[in-house]
């Protein structure tokens, strides 16, 4: 690799060691230039969704710190007419919840159907039940009766009577239509 010399002003051999980098680079035949700003322009959410700004190749798609974040990225309520019949689901959920609480079924099977606070309570009860579980086969829980009512559109309140290990237990559930599916947001086991 060869370097072609450039014309620079002559410097004395006794130049101070604290000379600026630009001066030493100029002495060595290099040119110091500033790095150009390359950050893309940020398009706000309103501009992106309402087409107020044409698409630009070097622009980021969204401003995630806008005022409408909760409206666009939060959970979206779903109407009852857009969801399946809740009665069979309540029966299946009641049986699954009783089996998880008694230690017969792993708790992560309910994670998709329950809110995070409800899931944490069920998982904790399942962990305690797993420690107390007696050896040997156990019968699955049997759902005897399910009652469902709809106090508002997209909200279901239900109760179920379940026989589990010779005990009759009652469950009260509140299901809300969120993101296109039913989600258990409140649960009481009696």
N, C-alpha and C. Protein backbone atom coordinates (compact mmCIF):
# COMPACT_ATOMS: atom_id res chain seq x y z
N UNK A 1 0.85 -1.14 0.00
CA UNK A 1 0.00 0.00 0.00
C UNK A 1 0.91 1.22 0.00
N UNK A 2 0.73 2.04 -0.97
CA UNK A 2 1.56 3.24 -1.06
C UNK A 2 0.72 4.45 -0.77
N UNK A 3 1.33 5.43 -0.19
CA UNK A 3 0.64 6.65 0.15
C UNK A 3 1.25 7.78 -0.65
N UNK A 4 0.41 8.54 -1.29
CA UNK A 4 0.93 9.66 -2.07
C UNK A 4 1.01 10.88 -1.16
N UNK A 5 2.13 11.53 -1.18
CA UNK A 5 2.27 12.70 -0.30
C UNK A 5 1.45 13.86 -0.82
N UNK A 6 0.94 14.63 0.11
CA UNK A 6 0.21 15.84 -0.24
C UNK A 6 1.00 17.03 0.26
N UNK A 7 0.72 18.15 -0.31
CA UNK A 7 1.46 19.34 0.11
C UNK A 7 0.86 19.86 1.39
N UNK A 8 1.69 19.98 2.37
CA UNK A 8 1.29 20.53 3.65
C UNK A 8 2.32 21.55 4.05
N UNK A 9 1.94 22.37 4.97
CA UNK A 9 2.91 23.35 5.45
C UNK A 9 3.98 22.64 6.26
N UNK A 10 5.16 23.16 6.18
CA UNK A 10 6.25 22.50 6.90
C UNK A 10 6.13 22.80 8.38
N UNK A 11 6.40 21.78 9.14
CA UNK A 11 6.35 21.92 10.60
C UNK A 11 7.74 21.66 11.13
N UNK A 12 7.99 22.25 12.23
CA UNK A 12 9.32 22.04 12.83
C UNK A 12 9.38 20.69 13.48
N UNK A 13 10.55 20.07 13.50
CA UNK A 13 10.66 18.75 14.11
C UNK A 13 10.46 18.81 15.61
N UNK A 14 10.48 19.98 16.18
CA UNK A 14 10.30 20.08 17.63
C UNK A 14 8.89 20.54 17.96
N UNK A 15 7.89 20.03 17.23
CA UNK A 15 6.50 20.40 17.48
C UNK A 15 6.07 19.86 18.83
N UNK A 16 5.19 20.56 19.46
CA UNK A 16 4.77 20.15 20.80
C UNK A 16 4.00 18.83 20.72
N UNK A 17 4.20 17.94 21.70
CA UNK A 17 3.51 16.66 21.66
C UNK A 17 2.01 16.82 21.89
N UNK A 18 1.57 17.95 22.39
CA UNK A 18 0.15 18.15 22.65
C UNK A 18 -0.54 18.80 21.47
N UNK A 19 -0.02 18.64 20.28
CA UNK A 19 -0.64 19.23 19.09
C UNK A 19 -1.98 18.57 18.83
N UNK A 20 -2.89 19.30 18.22
CA UNK A 20 -4.24 18.77 17.98
C UNK A 20 -4.19 17.63 16.97
N UNK A 21 -5.15 16.72 17.02
CA UNK A 21 -5.17 15.61 16.06
C UNK A 21 -5.34 16.11 14.63
N UNK A 22 -6.05 17.22 14.45
CA UNK A 22 -6.22 17.75 13.09
C UNK A 22 -4.89 18.22 12.52
N UNK A 23 -4.08 18.83 13.37
CA UNK A 23 -2.78 19.30 12.90
C UNK A 23 -1.88 18.14 12.56
N UNK A 24 -1.89 17.09 13.40
CA UNK A 24 -1.02 15.94 13.10
C UNK A 24 -1.52 15.18 11.89
N UNK A 25 -2.86 15.13 11.69
CA UNK A 25 -3.39 14.47 10.51
C UNK A 25 -3.04 15.25 9.26
N UNK A 26 -3.09 16.58 9.34
CA UNK A 26 -2.72 17.39 8.19
C UNK A 26 -1.25 17.23 7.88
N UNK A 27 -0.44 17.08 8.90
CA UNK A 27 0.99 16.90 8.70
C UNK A 27 1.27 15.56 8.03
N UNK A 28 0.47 14.54 8.35
CA UNK A 28 0.68 13.22 7.77
C UNK A 28 0.02 13.09 6.40
N UNK A 29 -0.68 14.09 5.94
CA UNK A 29 -1.28 14.04 4.62
C UNK A 29 -2.72 13.57 4.62
N UNK A 30 -3.37 13.51 5.76
CA UNK A 30 -4.77 13.10 5.83
C UNK A 30 -5.64 14.32 6.06
N UNK A 31 -6.88 14.20 5.58
CA UNK A 31 -7.83 15.28 5.79
C UNK A 31 -8.86 14.82 6.82
N UNK A 32 -9.12 15.63 7.83
CA UNK A 32 -10.10 15.30 8.87
C UNK A 32 -11.43 15.91 8.46
N UNK A 33 -12.48 15.07 8.43
CA UNK A 33 -13.81 15.52 8.09
C UNK A 33 -14.79 15.07 9.16
N UNK A 34 -15.84 15.83 9.32
CA UNK A 34 -16.89 15.46 10.28
C UNK A 34 -17.73 14.32 9.70
N UNK A 35 -18.22 13.48 10.59
CA UNK A 35 -19.10 12.39 10.17
C UNK A 35 -20.49 12.98 9.95
N UNK A 36 -21.12 12.70 8.82
CA UNK A 36 -22.44 13.26 8.57
C UNK A 36 -23.50 12.62 9.46
N UNK A 37 -24.55 13.37 9.77
CA UNK A 37 -25.66 12.86 10.57
C UNK A 37 -26.47 11.90 9.71
N UNK A 38 -26.64 10.65 10.16
CA UNK A 38 -27.34 9.65 9.35
C UNK A 38 -28.61 9.14 9.99
N UNK A 39 -29.04 9.70 11.12
CA UNK A 39 -30.26 9.23 11.78
C UNK A 39 -31.47 9.55 10.92
N UNK A 40 -32.36 8.59 10.71
CA UNK A 40 -33.55 8.85 9.89
C UNK A 40 -34.55 9.70 10.65
N UNK A 41 -35.40 10.37 9.90
CA UNK A 41 -36.46 11.18 10.47
C UNK A 41 -37.55 10.26 11.00
N UNK A 42 -38.14 10.60 12.14
CA UNK A 42 -39.19 9.79 12.74
C UNK A 42 -40.53 10.32 12.29
N UNK A 43 -41.37 9.39 11.83
CA UNK A 43 -42.72 9.73 11.41
C UNK A 43 -43.64 9.46 12.58
N UNK A 44 -44.50 10.39 12.93
CA UNK A 44 -45.43 10.19 14.04
C UNK A 44 -46.49 9.17 13.64
N UNK A 45 -47.19 8.62 14.63
CA UNK A 45 -48.22 7.62 14.37
C UNK A 45 -49.35 8.20 13.55
N UNK A 46 -49.71 9.45 13.80
CA UNK A 46 -50.78 10.07 13.02
C UNK A 46 -50.40 10.19 11.55
N UNK A 47 -49.17 10.57 11.27
CA UNK A 47 -48.72 10.69 9.89
C UNK A 47 -48.73 9.33 9.21
N UNK A 48 -48.32 8.29 9.92
CA UNK A 48 -48.22 6.96 9.31
C UNK A 48 -49.60 6.38 9.01
N UNK A 49 -50.55 6.53 9.94
CA UNK A 49 -51.84 5.89 9.76
C UNK A 49 -52.80 6.70 8.91
N UNK A 50 -52.63 7.99 8.88
CA UNK A 50 -53.57 8.81 8.13
C UNK A 50 -53.01 9.26 6.79
N UNK A 51 -51.84 8.83 6.44
CA UNK A 51 -51.27 9.10 5.13
C UNK A 51 -50.93 10.56 4.90
N UNK A 52 -50.68 11.31 5.97
CA UNK A 52 -50.36 12.71 5.80
C UNK A 52 -48.94 12.91 5.27
N UNK A 53 -48.11 11.95 5.46
CA UNK A 53 -46.71 12.06 5.05
C UNK A 53 -46.42 10.96 4.04
N UNK A 54 -45.84 11.27 2.91
CA UNK A 54 -45.49 10.21 1.97
C UNK A 54 -44.40 9.33 2.55
N UNK A 55 -44.37 8.10 2.09
CA UNK A 55 -43.36 7.16 2.57
C UNK A 55 -41.97 7.63 2.17
N UNK A 56 -41.07 7.60 3.10
CA UNK A 56 -39.69 7.99 2.83
C UNK A 56 -38.79 6.79 3.13
N UNK A 57 -37.86 6.53 2.28
CA UNK A 57 -37.00 5.37 2.42
C UNK A 57 -36.19 5.41 3.72
N UNK A 58 -35.74 6.58 4.11
CA UNK A 58 -34.85 6.65 5.27
C UNK A 58 -35.58 7.01 6.55
N UNK A 59 -36.89 6.91 6.60
CA UNK A 59 -37.65 7.31 7.78
C UNK A 59 -38.10 6.07 8.55
N UNK A 60 -38.12 6.19 9.86
CA UNK A 60 -38.66 5.12 10.69
C UNK A 60 -40.17 5.11 10.54
N UNK A 61 -40.76 3.95 10.75
CA UNK A 61 -42.19 3.83 10.49
C UNK A 61 -43.05 4.56 11.51
N UNK A 62 -42.75 4.45 12.80
CA UNK A 62 -43.64 4.98 13.82
C UNK A 62 -42.89 5.68 14.93
N UNK A 63 -43.58 6.58 15.57
CA UNK A 63 -43.11 7.19 16.81
C UNK A 63 -43.86 6.50 17.93
N UNK A 64 -43.19 5.63 18.69
CA UNK A 64 -43.86 4.86 19.72
C UNK A 64 -44.09 5.65 21.00
N UNK A 65 -43.74 6.92 21.03
CA UNK A 65 -43.92 7.72 22.23
C UNK A 65 -45.00 8.77 22.01
N UNK A 66 -45.90 8.53 21.07
CA UNK A 66 -46.97 9.47 20.77
C UNK A 66 -48.07 9.39 21.81
N UNK A 67 -49.08 10.22 21.64
CA UNK A 67 -50.16 10.31 22.62
C UNK A 67 -51.17 9.18 22.46
N UNK A 68 -51.23 8.52 21.32
CA UNK A 68 -52.27 7.53 21.07
C UNK A 68 -51.80 6.10 21.29
N UNK A 69 -50.71 5.87 22.01
CA UNK A 69 -50.18 4.52 22.18
C UNK A 69 -51.18 3.58 22.83
N UNK A 70 -51.87 4.01 23.89
CA UNK A 70 -52.78 3.12 24.59
C UNK A 70 -53.94 2.71 23.70
N UNK A 71 -54.41 3.62 22.86
CA UNK A 71 -55.53 3.31 22.00
C UNK A 71 -55.16 2.31 20.92
N UNK A 72 -53.96 2.37 20.43
CA UNK A 72 -53.59 1.55 19.27
C UNK A 72 -52.86 0.27 19.63
N UNK A 73 -52.16 0.25 20.77
CA UNK A 73 -51.35 -0.92 21.09
C UNK A 73 -51.83 -1.66 22.32
N UNK A 74 -52.87 -1.19 23.00
CA UNK A 74 -53.41 -1.87 24.17
C UNK A 74 -54.33 -3.00 23.75
N UNK A 75 -54.91 -3.64 24.75
CA UNK A 75 -55.88 -4.70 24.45
C UNK A 75 -57.13 -4.09 23.82
N UNK A 76 -57.63 -4.75 22.81
CA UNK A 76 -58.80 -4.27 22.09
C UNK A 76 -60.03 -5.08 22.50
N UNK A 77 -61.09 -4.42 23.01
CA UNK A 77 -62.30 -5.15 23.37
C UNK A 77 -62.97 -5.74 22.13
N UNK A 78 -63.62 -6.87 22.33
CA UNK A 78 -64.30 -7.56 21.24
C UNK A 78 -65.76 -7.76 21.61
N UNK A 79 -66.64 -7.55 20.67
CA UNK A 79 -68.08 -7.71 20.91
C UNK A 79 -68.43 -9.19 21.04
N UNK A 80 -69.53 -9.47 21.76
CA UNK A 80 -69.98 -10.84 21.97
C UNK A 80 -70.34 -11.50 20.65
N UNK A 81 -70.90 -10.73 19.71
CA UNK A 81 -71.29 -11.31 18.42
C UNK A 81 -70.10 -11.79 17.60
N UNK A 82 -68.90 -11.30 17.92
CA UNK A 82 -67.70 -11.70 17.18
C UNK A 82 -66.97 -12.86 17.86
N UNK A 83 -67.50 -13.37 18.97
CA UNK A 83 -66.84 -14.43 19.73
C UNK A 83 -67.69 -15.68 19.73
N UNK A 84 -67.07 -16.85 20.02
CA UNK A 84 -67.85 -18.08 20.07
C UNK A 84 -68.76 -18.13 21.31
N UNK A 85 -69.70 -19.06 21.31
CA UNK A 85 -70.62 -19.24 22.43
C UNK A 85 -69.81 -19.52 23.71
N UNK A 86 -70.03 -18.76 24.79
CA UNK A 86 -69.19 -18.91 25.98
C UNK A 86 -69.55 -20.10 26.87
N UNK A 87 -70.77 -20.66 26.77
CA UNK A 87 -71.18 -21.74 27.68
C UNK A 87 -70.27 -22.97 27.60
N UNK A 88 -69.97 -23.51 26.41
CA UNK A 88 -69.05 -24.66 26.39
C UNK A 88 -67.65 -24.30 26.89
N UNK A 89 -67.22 -23.09 26.60
CA UNK A 89 -65.89 -22.66 27.05
C UNK A 89 -65.84 -22.57 28.57
N UNK A 90 -66.90 -22.08 29.19
CA UNK A 90 -66.93 -21.98 30.65
C UNK A 90 -66.82 -23.36 31.27
N UNK A 91 -67.53 -24.35 30.72
CA UNK A 91 -67.43 -25.72 31.23
C UNK A 91 -66.02 -26.28 31.10
N UNK A 92 -65.39 -26.06 29.96
CA UNK A 92 -64.03 -26.55 29.76
C UNK A 92 -63.04 -25.84 30.67
N UNK A 93 -63.20 -24.52 30.82
CA UNK A 93 -62.30 -23.76 31.70
C UNK A 93 -62.48 -24.16 33.16
N UNK A 94 -63.74 -24.39 33.58
CA UNK A 94 -63.98 -24.79 34.97
C UNK A 94 -63.31 -26.13 35.27
N UNK A 95 -63.42 -27.09 34.35
CA UNK A 95 -62.77 -28.38 34.54
C UNK A 95 -61.26 -28.23 34.55
N UNK A 96 -60.72 -27.45 33.64
CA UNK A 96 -59.26 -27.27 33.56
C UNK A 96 -58.73 -26.55 34.80
N UNK A 97 -59.46 -25.55 35.27
CA UNK A 97 -59.00 -24.81 36.47
C UNK A 97 -58.98 -25.73 37.68
N UNK A 98 -60.02 -26.55 37.85
CA UNK A 98 -60.05 -27.46 39.00
C UNK A 98 -58.94 -28.50 38.91
N UNK A 99 -58.64 -28.97 37.71
CA UNK A 99 -57.55 -29.94 37.55
C UNK A 99 -56.19 -29.30 37.81
N UNK A 100 -56.02 -28.04 37.42
CA UNK A 100 -54.76 -27.34 37.70
C UNK A 100 -54.61 -27.10 39.19
N UNK A 101 -55.67 -26.65 39.83
CA UNK A 101 -55.62 -26.35 41.27
C UNK A 101 -55.38 -27.62 42.08
N UNK A 102 -55.85 -28.77 41.60
CA UNK A 102 -55.63 -30.02 42.32
C UNK A 102 -54.30 -30.69 41.95
N UNK A 103 -53.58 -30.14 41.00
CA UNK A 103 -52.27 -30.68 40.65
C UNK A 103 -52.28 -31.74 39.57
N UNK A 104 -53.40 -31.95 38.89
CA UNK A 104 -53.49 -32.97 37.85
C UNK A 104 -53.09 -32.46 36.47
N UNK A 105 -53.07 -31.18 36.29
CA UNK A 105 -52.81 -30.59 34.98
C UNK A 105 -51.78 -29.47 35.15
N UNK A 106 -50.87 -29.30 34.21
CA UNK A 106 -49.90 -28.19 34.34
C UNK A 106 -50.57 -26.83 34.16
N UNK A 107 -50.16 -25.88 34.97
CA UNK A 107 -50.75 -24.54 34.95
C UNK A 107 -50.55 -23.79 33.63
N UNK A 108 -49.43 -23.95 32.91
CA UNK A 108 -49.27 -23.19 31.66
C UNK A 108 -50.34 -23.47 30.60
N UNK A 109 -51.12 -24.52 30.76
CA UNK A 109 -52.20 -24.76 29.80
C UNK A 109 -53.29 -23.70 29.87
N UNK A 110 -53.33 -22.95 30.98
CA UNK A 110 -54.36 -21.91 31.14
C UNK A 110 -53.86 -20.51 30.83
N UNK A 111 -52.60 -20.37 30.50
CA UNK A 111 -52.02 -19.03 30.36
C UNK A 111 -52.68 -18.23 29.24
N UNK A 112 -53.12 -18.87 28.20
CA UNK A 112 -53.74 -18.17 27.07
C UNK A 112 -55.15 -17.71 27.39
N UNK A 113 -55.80 -18.36 28.34
CA UNK A 113 -57.20 -18.08 28.63
C UNK A 113 -57.41 -17.24 29.88
N UNK A 114 -56.36 -16.86 30.59
CA UNK A 114 -56.51 -16.11 31.83
C UNK A 114 -55.68 -14.83 31.80
N UNK A 115 -56.14 -13.85 32.56
CA UNK A 115 -55.38 -12.61 32.73
C UNK A 115 -54.15 -12.93 33.59
N UNK A 116 -53.09 -12.14 33.49
CA UNK A 116 -51.86 -12.44 34.25
C UNK A 116 -52.07 -12.55 35.76
N UNK A 117 -52.91 -11.71 36.34
CA UNK A 117 -53.13 -11.80 37.78
C UNK A 117 -53.84 -13.09 38.16
N UNK A 118 -54.81 -13.51 37.37
CA UNK A 118 -55.53 -14.76 37.64
C UNK A 118 -54.60 -15.95 37.45
N UNK A 119 -53.80 -15.91 36.40
CA UNK A 119 -52.86 -17.02 36.15
C UNK A 119 -51.87 -17.18 37.29
N UNK A 120 -51.37 -16.08 37.83
CA UNK A 120 -50.38 -16.20 38.91
C UNK A 120 -50.99 -16.85 40.15
N UNK A 121 -52.25 -16.55 40.45
CA UNK A 121 -52.92 -17.16 41.60
C UNK A 121 -53.12 -18.66 41.35
N UNK A 122 -53.58 -19.01 40.16
CA UNK A 122 -53.81 -20.42 39.83
C UNK A 122 -52.50 -21.20 39.85
N UNK A 123 -51.45 -20.63 39.28
CA UNK A 123 -50.15 -21.32 39.25
C UNK A 123 -49.61 -21.53 40.65
N UNK A 124 -49.80 -20.55 41.53
CA UNK A 124 -49.34 -20.70 42.92
C UNK A 124 -50.11 -21.81 43.62
N UNK A 125 -51.43 -21.88 43.43
CA UNK A 125 -52.23 -22.94 44.03
C UNK A 125 -51.84 -24.30 43.47
N UNK A 126 -51.51 -24.37 42.19
CA UNK A 126 -51.09 -25.62 41.58
C UNK A 126 -49.76 -26.09 42.16
N UNK A 127 -48.87 -25.15 42.43
CA UNK A 127 -47.57 -25.51 43.01
C UNK A 127 -47.76 -26.08 44.42
N UNK A 128 -48.63 -25.47 45.20
CA UNK A 128 -48.89 -25.97 46.56
C UNK A 128 -49.57 -27.34 46.49
N UNK A 129 -50.52 -27.51 45.57
CA UNK A 129 -51.22 -28.79 45.43
C UNK A 129 -50.27 -29.88 44.96
N UNK A 130 -49.31 -29.55 44.15
CA UNK A 130 -48.34 -30.54 43.68
C UNK A 130 -47.50 -31.10 44.81
N UNK A 131 -47.25 -30.28 45.82
CA UNK A 131 -46.48 -30.76 46.99
C UNK A 131 -47.31 -31.67 47.87
N UNK A 132 -48.64 -31.41 47.94
CA UNK A 132 -49.50 -32.18 48.84
C UNK A 132 -50.13 -33.39 48.16
N UNK A 133 -49.93 -33.56 46.91
CA UNK A 133 -50.64 -34.58 46.16
C UNK A 133 -50.29 -35.99 46.64
N UNK A 134 -51.34 -36.77 46.85
CA UNK A 134 -51.15 -38.16 47.27
C UNK A 134 -50.83 -39.01 46.04
N UNK A 135 -50.00 -40.02 46.20
CA UNK A 135 -49.67 -40.87 45.04
C UNK A 135 -50.88 -41.67 44.59
N UNK A 136 -50.85 -42.06 43.34
CA UNK A 136 -51.92 -42.88 42.79
C UNK A 136 -52.76 -42.11 41.79
N UNK A 137 -53.56 -42.83 41.01
CA UNK A 137 -54.38 -42.17 39.99
C UNK A 137 -55.53 -41.40 40.63
N UNK A 138 -55.92 -40.32 39.96
CA UNK A 138 -57.03 -39.50 40.42
C UNK A 138 -58.01 -39.30 39.27
N UNK A 139 -59.25 -39.20 39.61
CA UNK A 139 -60.27 -38.96 38.60
C UNK A 139 -60.24 -37.49 38.18
N UNK A 140 -60.52 -37.23 36.92
CA UNK A 140 -60.60 -35.82 36.49
C UNK A 140 -61.84 -35.15 37.08
N UNK A 141 -61.82 -33.85 37.14
CA UNK A 141 -62.97 -33.08 37.63
C UNK A 141 -64.13 -33.23 36.65
N UNK A 142 -65.35 -33.25 37.20
CA UNK A 142 -66.55 -33.39 36.37
C UNK A 142 -67.41 -32.14 36.57
N UNK A 143 -67.75 -31.49 35.48
CA UNK A 143 -68.59 -30.29 35.53
C UNK A 143 -70.05 -30.73 35.52
N UNK A 144 -70.79 -30.36 36.58
CA UNK A 144 -72.20 -30.75 36.69
C UNK A 144 -73.14 -29.73 36.07
N UNK A 145 -72.87 -28.44 36.27
CA UNK A 145 -73.80 -27.42 35.78
C UNK A 145 -73.04 -26.14 35.49
N UNK A 146 -73.48 -25.44 34.45
CA UNK A 146 -72.90 -24.16 34.08
C UNK A 146 -74.04 -23.16 33.86
N UNK A 147 -73.90 -21.98 34.44
CA UNK A 147 -74.85 -20.88 34.24
C UNK A 147 -74.08 -19.69 33.69
N UNK A 148 -74.63 -19.05 32.67
CA UNK A 148 -73.97 -17.94 32.01
C UNK A 148 -74.94 -16.77 31.88
N UNK A 149 -74.46 -15.55 32.19
CA UNK A 149 -75.25 -14.36 31.94
C UNK A 149 -74.33 -13.30 31.33
N UNK A 150 -74.96 -12.36 30.62
CA UNK A 150 -74.20 -11.32 29.92
C UNK A 150 -74.66 -9.95 30.42
N UNK A 151 -73.94 -9.37 31.41
CA UNK A 151 -74.34 -8.06 31.92
C UNK A 151 -74.09 -6.92 30.95
N UNK A 152 -73.13 -7.07 30.06
CA UNK A 152 -72.82 -6.05 29.06
C UNK A 152 -72.25 -6.74 27.83
N UNK A 153 -72.23 -6.01 26.71
CA UNK A 153 -71.70 -6.58 25.49
C UNK A 153 -70.20 -6.87 25.64
N UNK A 154 -69.79 -8.09 25.37
CA UNK A 154 -68.39 -8.47 25.48
C UNK A 154 -67.96 -8.89 26.87
N UNK A 155 -68.92 -9.00 27.81
CA UNK A 155 -68.61 -9.42 29.18
C UNK A 155 -69.56 -10.54 29.57
N UNK A 156 -69.00 -11.61 30.09
CA UNK A 156 -69.78 -12.77 30.52
C UNK A 156 -69.46 -13.04 31.98
N UNK A 157 -70.50 -13.23 32.78
CA UNK A 157 -70.33 -13.68 34.16
C UNK A 157 -70.94 -15.07 34.24
N UNK A 158 -70.18 -16.01 34.76
CA UNK A 158 -70.63 -17.40 34.76
C UNK A 158 -70.30 -18.06 36.09
N UNK A 159 -71.05 -19.13 36.37
CA UNK A 159 -70.72 -19.97 37.52
C UNK A 159 -70.82 -21.42 37.08
N UNK A 160 -70.07 -22.25 37.75
CA UNK A 160 -70.05 -23.67 37.41
C UNK A 160 -69.98 -24.49 38.69
N UNK A 161 -70.67 -25.62 38.69
CA UNK A 161 -70.61 -26.57 39.79
C UNK A 161 -69.76 -27.74 39.30
N UNK A 162 -68.69 -28.02 40.07
CA UNK A 162 -67.73 -29.03 39.65
C UNK A 162 -67.53 -30.03 40.78
N UNK A 163 -67.51 -31.33 40.43
CA UNK A 163 -67.20 -32.37 41.40
C UNK A 163 -65.74 -32.76 41.16
N UNK A 164 -64.94 -32.60 42.22
CA UNK A 164 -63.51 -32.90 42.10
C UNK A 164 -63.06 -33.64 43.35
N UNK A 165 -62.61 -34.87 43.20
CA UNK A 165 -62.09 -35.71 44.29
C UNK A 165 -63.11 -35.89 45.40
N UNK A 166 -64.37 -36.12 45.01
CA UNK A 166 -65.42 -36.36 45.99
C UNK A 166 -65.98 -35.11 46.64
N UNK A 167 -65.51 -33.93 46.24
CA UNK A 167 -66.00 -32.67 46.79
C UNK A 167 -66.75 -31.92 45.71
N UNK A 168 -67.84 -31.29 46.10
CA UNK A 168 -68.59 -30.44 45.18
C UNK A 168 -68.10 -29.02 45.40
N UNK A 169 -67.63 -28.39 44.33
CA UNK A 169 -67.08 -27.03 44.43
C UNK A 169 -67.76 -26.14 43.42
N UNK A 170 -67.77 -24.86 43.73
CA UNK A 170 -68.39 -23.87 42.85
C UNK A 170 -67.32 -22.91 42.36
N UNK A 171 -67.43 -22.51 41.12
CA UNK A 171 -66.52 -21.52 40.53
C UNK A 171 -67.35 -20.37 39.99
N UNK A 172 -66.88 -19.17 40.23
CA UNK A 172 -67.48 -17.98 39.63
C UNK A 172 -66.42 -17.34 38.75
N UNK A 173 -66.76 -17.08 37.50
CA UNK A 173 -65.81 -16.54 36.54
C UNK A 173 -66.38 -15.30 35.87
N UNK A 174 -65.50 -14.40 35.51
CA UNK A 174 -65.86 -13.26 34.66
C UNK A 174 -64.98 -13.34 33.43
N UNK A 175 -65.60 -13.43 32.28
CA UNK A 175 -64.87 -13.48 31.02
C UNK A 175 -65.12 -12.19 30.25
N UNK A 176 -64.06 -11.67 29.67
CA UNK A 176 -64.18 -10.47 28.86
C UNK A 176 -63.67 -10.79 27.46
N UNK A 177 -64.34 -10.24 26.48
CA UNK A 177 -63.90 -10.40 25.09
C UNK A 177 -62.78 -9.42 24.80
N UNK A 178 -61.56 -9.91 24.71
CA UNK A 178 -60.40 -9.07 24.44
C UNK A 178 -59.56 -9.70 23.34
N UNK A 179 -59.17 -8.91 22.38
CA UNK A 179 -58.30 -9.34 21.28
C UNK A 179 -58.86 -10.56 20.54
N UNK A 180 -60.17 -10.61 20.37
CA UNK A 180 -60.78 -11.68 19.58
C UNK A 180 -60.94 -13.00 20.29
N UNK A 181 -60.88 -13.02 21.64
CA UNK A 181 -61.07 -14.28 22.38
C UNK A 181 -61.59 -13.97 23.77
N UNK A 182 -62.13 -14.99 24.43
CA UNK A 182 -62.60 -14.84 25.79
C UNK A 182 -61.41 -14.96 26.74
N UNK A 183 -61.35 -14.07 27.73
CA UNK A 183 -60.25 -14.07 28.70
C UNK A 183 -60.83 -13.99 30.10
N UNK A 184 -60.41 -14.91 31.00
CA UNK A 184 -60.87 -14.90 32.38
C UNK A 184 -60.18 -13.77 33.11
N UNK A 185 -60.97 -12.79 33.58
CA UNK A 185 -60.40 -11.64 34.27
C UNK A 185 -60.71 -11.64 35.77
N UNK A 186 -61.62 -12.49 36.23
CA UNK A 186 -61.91 -12.63 37.65
C UNK A 186 -62.31 -14.07 37.91
N UNK A 187 -61.87 -14.60 39.06
CA UNK A 187 -62.14 -16.00 39.38
C UNK A 187 -62.27 -16.15 40.89
N UNK A 188 -63.30 -16.88 41.30
CA UNK A 188 -63.48 -17.24 42.71
C UNK A 188 -63.79 -18.72 42.77
N UNK A 189 -63.05 -19.45 43.61
CA UNK A 189 -63.28 -20.89 43.78
C UNK A 189 -63.80 -21.09 45.20
N UNK A 190 -64.98 -21.72 45.30
CA UNK A 190 -65.58 -21.95 46.62
C UNK A 190 -65.55 -23.40 47.01
